[in-house]
């Protein structure tokens, strides 16, 4: 099985080399460049609290389209359409354990104007793998607008990168591969890490949001607090 997985990775590299001139629509969130801090520190534009003492590192526009027949999940579960909002990336000196306790506290007592959204059964195994590898998340809904939601992610980037890093390196290549190769890679990665690339790239995936922010913490020993708010437009 190990030899088969290595062979699949080699085939990925070969296929990518042949398909550099081609591009396909990715299910990963589309984000614009971070806002520059013209004067003073960046502020959180989402009406949802960050962990106390967390510093905003970047603010990006969040935009993603769920096509007809495509299964959106979590934040993008209101059916086909375009979802827009903001993404906030913040750093914290708190431990991952402290951040997880904070996430659980908010799930038990959501901020004013929000209700906690139960994680669907289809995401329960993904959440278990995420927790094991330094990522936790929770979903909240706007009490006044059920189409508007907030995804909260707490992450230890260093710990998450240890086992999920290989998946991150494949994300940009995965979509351009034939389905047979995608299935082989998914099966191999699922066996080793507990999560497949398909589960990461699925529209609205909290793991996709977490791994997309990983590069912001290279060479940075801080933990990550991520907020994404999105409303169906």
Protein backbone atom coordinates (compact mmCIF):
# COMPACT_ATOMS: atom_id res chain seq x y z
CA UNK A 1 0.00 0.00 0.00
CA UNK A 2 2.88 2.37 0.85
CA UNK A 3 4.45 1.71 -2.57
CA UNK A 4 1.08 2.35 -4.25
CA UNK A 5 0.67 5.69 -2.44
CA UNK A 6 4.19 6.81 -3.42
CA UNK A 7 3.43 5.82 -7.03
CA UNK A 8 0.25 7.94 -6.90
CA UNK A 9 2.25 10.96 -5.72
CA UNK A 10 4.73 10.46 -8.59
CA UNK A 11 1.84 10.31 -11.04
CA UNK A 12 0.49 13.55 -9.53
CA UNK A 13 3.76 15.31 -10.28
CA UNK A 14 3.76 13.99 -13.85
CA UNK A 15 0.17 15.03 -14.51
CA UNK A 16 0.72 18.48 -13.03
CA UNK A 17 3.72 19.00 -15.29
CA UNK A 18 1.51 18.21 -18.29
CA UNK A 19 -1.37 20.39 -17.15
CA UNK A 20 0.33 23.61 -16.05
CA UNK A 21 -1.31 25.44 -18.93
CA UNK A 22 -4.78 24.31 -17.88
CA UNK A 23 -6.86 25.57 -15.02
CA UNK A 24 -10.07 24.39 -13.41
CA UNK A 25 -12.41 26.02 -10.97
CA UNK A 26 -11.40 25.20 -7.42
CA UNK A 27 -13.77 24.74 -4.54
CA UNK A 28 -11.28 26.46 -2.21
CA UNK A 29 -12.45 29.86 -0.92
CA UNK A 30 -11.64 32.76 -3.24
CA UNK A 31 -9.97 35.56 -1.33
CA UNK A 32 -8.68 38.97 -2.25
CA UNK A 33 -5.39 40.34 -1.01
CA UNK A 34 -5.27 41.28 2.68
CA UNK A 35 -6.17 44.84 3.56
CA UNK A 36 -3.13 46.97 4.25
CA UNK A 37 -2.92 48.77 7.55
CA UNK A 38 -2.90 52.40 6.39
CA UNK A 39 -2.66 53.68 9.94
CA UNK A 40 -2.74 51.73 13.16
CA UNK A 41 -3.55 48.04 13.65
CA UNK A 42 -6.09 46.12 11.60
CA UNK A 43 -9.53 45.73 13.13
CA UNK A 44 -11.99 42.86 13.12
CA UNK A 45 -14.90 43.85 10.80
CA UNK A 46 -17.01 40.84 11.82
CA UNK A 47 -19.43 41.37 14.69
CA UNK A 48 -18.15 38.31 16.49
CA UNK A 49 -15.48 38.31 19.21
CA UNK A 50 -11.89 37.15 18.84
CA UNK A 51 -9.99 35.51 21.68
CA UNK A 52 -8.90 38.11 24.25
CA UNK A 53 -5.51 39.55 23.33
CA UNK A 54 -5.49 38.09 19.79
CA UNK A 55 -3.91 40.38 17.19
CA UNK A 56 -5.49 40.76 13.75
CA UNK A 57 -2.86 39.87 11.14
CA UNK A 58 -4.94 40.04 7.96
CA UNK A 59 -8.45 40.86 6.78
CA UNK A 60 -9.62 39.44 3.46
CA UNK A 61 -12.81 39.38 1.46
CA UNK A 62 -14.40 35.93 1.35
CA UNK A 63 -16.23 34.86 -1.78
CA UNK A 64 -17.26 31.38 -2.85
CA UNK A 65 -19.87 29.94 -5.20
CA UNK A 66 -21.70 26.68 -4.62
CA UNK A 67 -22.86 25.30 -7.96
CA UNK A 68 -26.19 23.56 -8.55
CA UNK A 69 -25.82 19.93 -7.51
CA UNK A 70 -22.72 20.66 -5.46
CA UNK A 71 -22.95 19.90 -1.75
CA UNK A 72 -21.94 22.89 0.31
CA UNK A 73 -21.21 22.23 3.96
CA UNK A 74 -21.01 24.09 7.23
CA UNK A 75 -20.96 27.80 6.49
CA UNK A 76 -22.24 27.34 2.92
CA UNK A 77 -25.16 25.03 3.56
CA UNK A 78 -28.01 27.24 2.30
CA UNK A 79 -27.97 25.78 -1.20
CA UNK A 80 -26.49 26.77 -4.54
CA UNK A 81 -25.46 30.39 -4.98
CA UNK A 82 -22.72 32.87 -4.21
CA UNK A 83 -21.68 33.51 -0.63
CA UNK A 84 -19.77 36.62 0.40
CA UNK A 85 -18.30 38.09 3.56
CA UNK A 86 -15.01 38.57 5.35
CA UNK A 87 -12.18 36.45 6.66
CA UNK A 88 -10.14 37.55 9.66
CA UNK A 89 -6.80 35.92 10.48
CA UNK A 90 -5.52 36.62 13.98
CA UNK A 91 -2.57 35.39 16.04
CA UNK A 92 -2.62 34.49 19.73
CA UNK A 93 -0.01 33.51 22.31
CA UNK A 94 -2.59 31.28 24.06
CA UNK A 95 -2.11 27.52 23.98
CA UNK A 96 -4.25 25.37 21.70
CA UNK A 97 -5.86 23.90 24.83
CA UNK A 98 -6.90 27.38 25.97
CA UNK A 99 -8.33 28.18 22.55
CA UNK A 100 -10.29 24.91 22.45
CA UNK A 101 -11.76 25.67 25.87
CA UNK A 102 -12.79 29.12 24.59
CA UNK A 103 -14.45 27.61 21.49
CA UNK A 104 -16.42 25.21 23.69
CA UNK A 105 -17.43 28.08 25.97
CA UNK A 106 -18.83 30.01 22.99
CA UNK A 107 -20.70 26.92 21.79
CA UNK A 108 -22.35 26.70 25.21
CA UNK A 109 -23.06 30.42 25.40
CA UNK A 110 -22.98 32.02 21.91
CA UNK A 111 -22.39 35.78 21.56
CA UNK A 112 -25.50 37.96 21.55
CA UNK A 113 -27.36 37.73 18.26
CA UNK A 114 -26.03 34.28 17.36
CA UNK A 115 -27.04 30.68 17.90
CA UNK A 116 -24.74 27.69 17.67
CA UNK A 117 -25.19 25.50 14.59
CA UNK A 118 -24.97 21.78 15.25
CA UNK A 119 -22.14 20.14 13.33
CA UNK A 120 -23.81 17.78 10.83
CA UNK A 121 -23.10 14.08 11.10
CA UNK A 122 -21.22 14.14 7.79
CA UNK A 123 -18.65 16.47 9.39
CA UNK A 124 -18.25 14.67 12.72
CA UNK A 125 -15.35 12.47 11.59
CA UNK A 126 -13.62 15.48 10.02
CA UNK A 127 -13.97 17.39 13.29
CA UNK A 128 -12.49 14.46 15.23
CA UNK A 129 -9.46 14.34 12.91
CA UNK A 130 -9.10 18.12 13.08
CA UNK A 131 -9.10 18.08 16.90
CA UNK A 132 -6.39 15.40 16.92
CA UNK A 133 -4.21 17.51 14.66
CA UNK A 134 -4.40 20.94 16.24
CA UNK A 135 -7.60 22.35 14.71
CA UNK A 136 -10.98 23.02 16.30
CA UNK A 137 -13.98 24.80 14.85
CA UNK A 138 -17.55 25.81 15.54
CA UNK A 139 -20.40 27.17 13.43
CA UNK A 140 -22.83 29.93 14.39
CA UNK A 141 -25.92 31.39 12.74
CA UNK A 142 -27.18 34.96 12.81
CA UNK A 143 -30.41 34.89 14.80
CA UNK A 144 -31.94 37.56 12.52
CA UNK A 145 -30.68 36.19 9.20
CA UNK A 146 -30.43 32.38 8.90
CA UNK A 147 -28.54 32.77 5.59
CA UNK A 148 -25.73 34.57 7.41
CA UNK A 149 -23.30 32.48 9.42
CA UNK A 150 -19.90 32.63 11.11
CA UNK A 151 -17.22 29.95 11.13
CA UNK A 152 -14.79 30.10 14.05
CA UNK A 153 -11.52 28.17 13.78
CA UNK A 154 -8.81 27.77 16.42
CA UNK A 155 -5.56 26.22 15.23
CA UNK A 156 -2.03 25.34 16.26
CA UNK A 157 -0.41 25.80 12.80
CA UNK A 158 2.78 23.94 13.68
CA UNK A 159 0.93 20.89 14.97
CA UNK A 160 -1.57 20.92 12.10
CA UNK A 161 1.23 21.07 9.55
CA UNK A 162 2.87 17.90 10.87
CA UNK A 163 0.19 15.56 9.49
CA UNK A 164 -1.97 17.72 7.27
CA UNK A 165 0.91 19.52 5.52
CA UNK A 166 1.11 16.92 2.71
CA UNK A 167 -2.55 17.53 1.91
CA UNK A 168 -1.89 21.27 1.73
CA UNK A 169 0.91 20.76 -0.80
CA UNK A 170 -1.47 18.81 -3.06
CA UNK A 171 -4.43 21.21 -2.97
CA UNK A 172 -3.38 23.30 -5.96
CA UNK A 173 -2.69 20.18 -8.07
CA UNK A 174 -5.59 17.97 -7.07
CA UNK A 175 -8.35 19.59 -9.14
CA UNK A 176 -6.51 19.16 -12.46
CA UNK A 177 -6.01 15.40 -12.06
CA UNK A 178 -8.09 12.59 -13.60
CA UNK A 179 -10.71 11.17 -11.25
CA UNK A 180 -8.89 7.82 -10.95
CA UNK A 181 -5.78 9.52 -9.58
CA UNK A 182 -7.85 11.68 -7.24
CA UNK A 183 -9.52 8.57 -5.82
CA UNK A 184 -6.13 6.86 -5.25
CA UNK A 185 -4.70 9.91 -3.52
CA UNK A 186 -7.81 10.41 -1.39
CA UNK A 187 -7.75 6.77 -0.27
CA UNK A 188 -4.05 6.90 0.64
CA UNK A 189 -4.27 10.22 2.46
CA UNK A 190 -7.46 9.20 4.27
CA UNK A 191 -5.73 6.08 5.58
CA UNK A 192 -2.72 8.01 6.86
CA UNK A 193 -4.25 11.22 8.17
CA UNK A 194 -7.95 10.39 8.58
CA UNK A 195 -9.08 13.03 6.09
CA UNK A 196 -9.16 13.17 2.29
CA UNK A 197 -8.41 16.10 0.00
CA UNK A 198 -12.03 15.96 -1.19
CA UNK A 199 -13.17 16.65 2.38
CA UNK A 200 -10.75 19.56 2.60
CA UNK A 201 -11.74 21.14 -0.72
CA UNK A 202 -15.48 20.62 -0.27
CA UNK A 203 -17.30 23.96 -0.39
CA UNK A 204 -17.38 25.52 3.08
CA UNK A 205 -14.95 23.03 4.63
CA UNK A 206 -13.50 24.37 7.92
CA UNK A 207 -10.34 22.37 7.22
CA UNK A 208 -9.98 24.14 3.88
CA UNK A 209 -10.24 27.51 5.61
CA UNK A 210 -7.69 26.44 8.24
CA UNK A 211 -5.14 25.08 5.77
CA UNK A 212 -5.50 28.11 3.48
CA UNK A 213 -4.37 30.28 6.40
CA UNK A 214 -1.36 28.11 7.21
CA UNK A 215 1.08 30.19 5.15
CA UNK A 216 0.33 33.26 7.29
CA UNK A 217 1.98 31.49 10.22
CA UNK A 218 5.21 30.25 8.62
CA UNK A 219 8.07 31.05 10.99
CA UNK A 220 5.51 32.28 13.53
CA UNK A 221 5.16 30.46 16.85
CA UNK A 222 1.68 31.84 17.55
CA UNK A 223 -1.62 29.99 17.45
CA UNK A 224 -4.30 31.02 14.95
CA UNK A 225 -7.82 32.31 15.47
CA UNK A 226 -9.81 32.52 12.24
CA UNK A 227 -13.22 34.06 11.66
CA UNK A 228 -15.17 33.78 8.42
CA UNK A 229 -18.61 35.30 8.02
CA UNK A 230 -20.64 34.62 4.90
CA UNK A 231 -24.14 35.34 3.69
CA UNK A 232 -25.85 33.96 0.62
CA UNK A 233 -26.19 36.83 -1.81
